[in-house]
């Protein structure tokens, strides 16, 4: 990832820690996976995360949307 993309990821992760369902994250549940959610950094980069014990957020992957389709 480029430095500007890394900066964007860091900014979105900060928002994630404050409000996982903030509108600009475009958070949605990943179908077929328990407690796994996807959020957008931009139109290409996504972050997969999950709830653990209803509170703790565990990051699963950060990457390009096309590369995450198999997850």
C-alpha atoms as a PDB file:
ATOM      1  CA  UNK A   1       0.000   0.000   0.000  1.00  0.00           C
ATOM      2  CA  UNK A   2       1.135   3.514  -0.732  1.00  0.00           C
ATOM      3  CA  UNK A   3       1.799   6.001   2.087  1.00  0.00           C
ATOM      4  CA  UNK A   4      -1.466   7.904   1.372  1.00  0.00           C
ATOM      5  CA  UNK A   5      -3.396   4.608   1.502  1.00  0.00           C
ATOM      6  CA  UNK A   6      -1.703   3.691   4.779  1.00  0.00           C
ATOM      7  CA  UNK A   7      -2.688   7.065   6.203  1.00  0.00           C
ATOM      8  CA  UNK A   8      -6.296   6.522   5.087  1.00  0.00           C
ATOM      9  CA  UNK A   9      -6.317   3.078   6.757  1.00  0.00           C
ATOM     10  CA  UNK A  10      -5.028   4.604  10.007  1.00  0.00           C
ATOM     11  CA  UNK A  11      -7.738   7.289   9.909  1.00  0.00           C
ATOM     12  CA  UNK A  12     -10.497   4.731   9.304  1.00  0.00           C
ATOM     13  CA  UNK A  13      -9.190   2.474  12.088  1.00  0.00           C
ATOM     14  CA  UNK A  14      -9.436   5.423  14.479  1.00  0.00           C
ATOM     15  CA  UNK A  15     -13.082   5.892  13.464  1.00  0.00           C
ATOM     16  CA  UNK A  16     -13.641   2.138  13.830  1.00  0.00           C
ATOM     17  CA  UNK A  17     -12.484   2.240  17.453  1.00  0.00           C
ATOM     18  CA  UNK A  18     -14.880   5.103  18.189  1.00  0.00           C
ATOM     19  CA  UNK A  19     -17.932   3.853  16.266  1.00  0.00           C
ATOM     20  CA  UNK A  20     -17.768   0.655  14.148  1.00  0.00           C
ATOM     21  CA  UNK A  21     -20.966   1.650  12.339  1.00  0.00           C
ATOM     22  CA  UNK A  22     -20.058   5.251  11.519  1.00  0.00           C
ATOM     23  CA  UNK A  23     -21.674   5.970   8.123  1.00  0.00           C
ATOM     24  CA  UNK A  24     -18.451   6.733   6.217  1.00  0.00           C
ATOM     25  CA  UNK A  25     -17.123   3.239   7.044  1.00  0.00           C
ATOM     26  CA  UNK A  26     -20.030   1.642   5.161  1.00  0.00           C
ATOM     27  CA  UNK A  27     -19.873  -1.310   7.564  1.00  0.00           C
ATOM     28  CA  UNK A  28     -21.784  -4.419   6.601  1.00  0.00           C
ATOM     29  CA  UNK A  29     -21.955  -7.992   7.830  1.00  0.00           C
ATOM     30  CA  UNK A  30     -20.163 -10.569   5.686  1.00  0.00           C
ATOM     31  CA  UNK A  31     -22.704 -13.210   4.724  1.00  0.00           C
ATOM     32  CA  UNK A  32     -21.902 -16.744   5.797  1.00  0.00           C
ATOM     33  CA  UNK A  33     -19.383 -15.779   8.507  1.00  0.00           C
ATOM     34  CA  UNK A  34     -20.354 -15.375  12.155  1.00  0.00           C
ATOM     35  CA  UNK A  35     -19.719 -11.913  13.600  1.00  0.00           C
ATOM     36  CA  UNK A  36     -17.487 -10.879  10.655  1.00  0.00           C
ATOM     37  CA  UNK A  37     -17.924  -7.397   9.194  1.00  0.00           C
ATOM     38  CA  UNK A  38     -16.431  -5.497   6.271  1.00  0.00           C
ATOM     39  CA  UNK A  39     -15.790  -1.761   6.182  1.00  0.00           C
ATOM     40  CA  UNK A  40     -14.471   0.527   3.476  1.00  0.00           C
ATOM     41  CA  UNK A  41     -11.330   2.617   3.596  1.00  0.00           C
ATOM     42  CA  UNK A  42     -11.965   3.836   0.046  1.00  0.00           C
ATOM     43  CA  UNK A  43     -13.557   2.356  -3.057  1.00  0.00           C
ATOM     44  CA  UNK A  44     -10.771  -0.240  -3.332  1.00  0.00           C
ATOM     45  CA  UNK A  45      -9.442  -0.978   0.173  1.00  0.00           C
ATOM     46  CA  UNK A  46     -11.461  -2.929   2.743  1.00  0.00           C
ATOM     47  CA  UNK A  47     -10.941  -4.007   6.322  1.00  0.00           C
ATOM     48  CA  UNK A  48     -12.441  -7.220   7.674  1.00  0.00           C
ATOM     49  CA  UNK A  49     -13.047  -7.398  11.416  1.00  0.00           C
ATOM     50  CA  UNK A  50     -15.110  -9.285  13.934  1.00  0.00           C
ATOM     51  CA  UNK A  51     -16.639  -8.901  17.336  1.00  0.00           C
ATOM     52  CA  UNK A  52     -15.163 -11.063  20.071  1.00  0.00           C
ATOM     53  CA  UNK A  53     -17.230 -11.436  23.240  1.00  0.00           C
ATOM     54  CA  UNK A  54     -19.547  -8.716  21.955  1.00  0.00           C
ATOM     55  CA  UNK A  55     -17.016  -5.951  22.554  1.00  0.00           C
ATOM     56  CA  UNK A  56     -13.472  -6.588  21.382  1.00  0.00           C
ATOM     57  CA  UNK A  57     -12.762  -5.931  17.715  1.00  0.00           C
ATOM     58  CA  UNK A  58     -10.309  -8.313  16.074  1.00  0.00           C
ATOM     59  CA  UNK A  59      -8.878  -7.209  12.721  1.00  0.00           C
ATOM     60  CA  UNK A  60      -8.817 -10.079  10.243  1.00  0.00           C
ATOM     61  CA  UNK A  61      -7.483  -8.488   7.068  1.00  0.00           C
ATOM     62  CA  UNK A  62      -6.711  -5.183   5.373  1.00  0.00           C
ATOM     63  CA  UNK A  63      -6.419  -5.157   1.620  1.00  0.00           C
ATOM     64  CA  UNK A  64      -7.848  -4.592  -1.792  1.00  0.00           C
ATOM     65  CA  UNK A  65     -11.459  -5.603  -2.301  1.00  0.00           C
ATOM     66  CA  UNK A  66     -10.681  -7.909  -5.240  1.00  0.00           C
ATOM     67  CA  UNK A  67      -8.168  -9.834  -3.100  1.00  0.00           C
ATOM     68  CA  UNK A  68     -10.670 -10.426  -0.300  1.00  0.00           C
ATOM     69  CA  UNK A  69     -13.388 -12.053  -2.348  1.00  0.00           C
ATOM     70  CA  UNK A  70     -12.207 -15.546  -1.415  1.00  0.00           C
ATOM     71  CA  UNK A  71     -12.506 -14.916   2.343  1.00  0.00           C
END
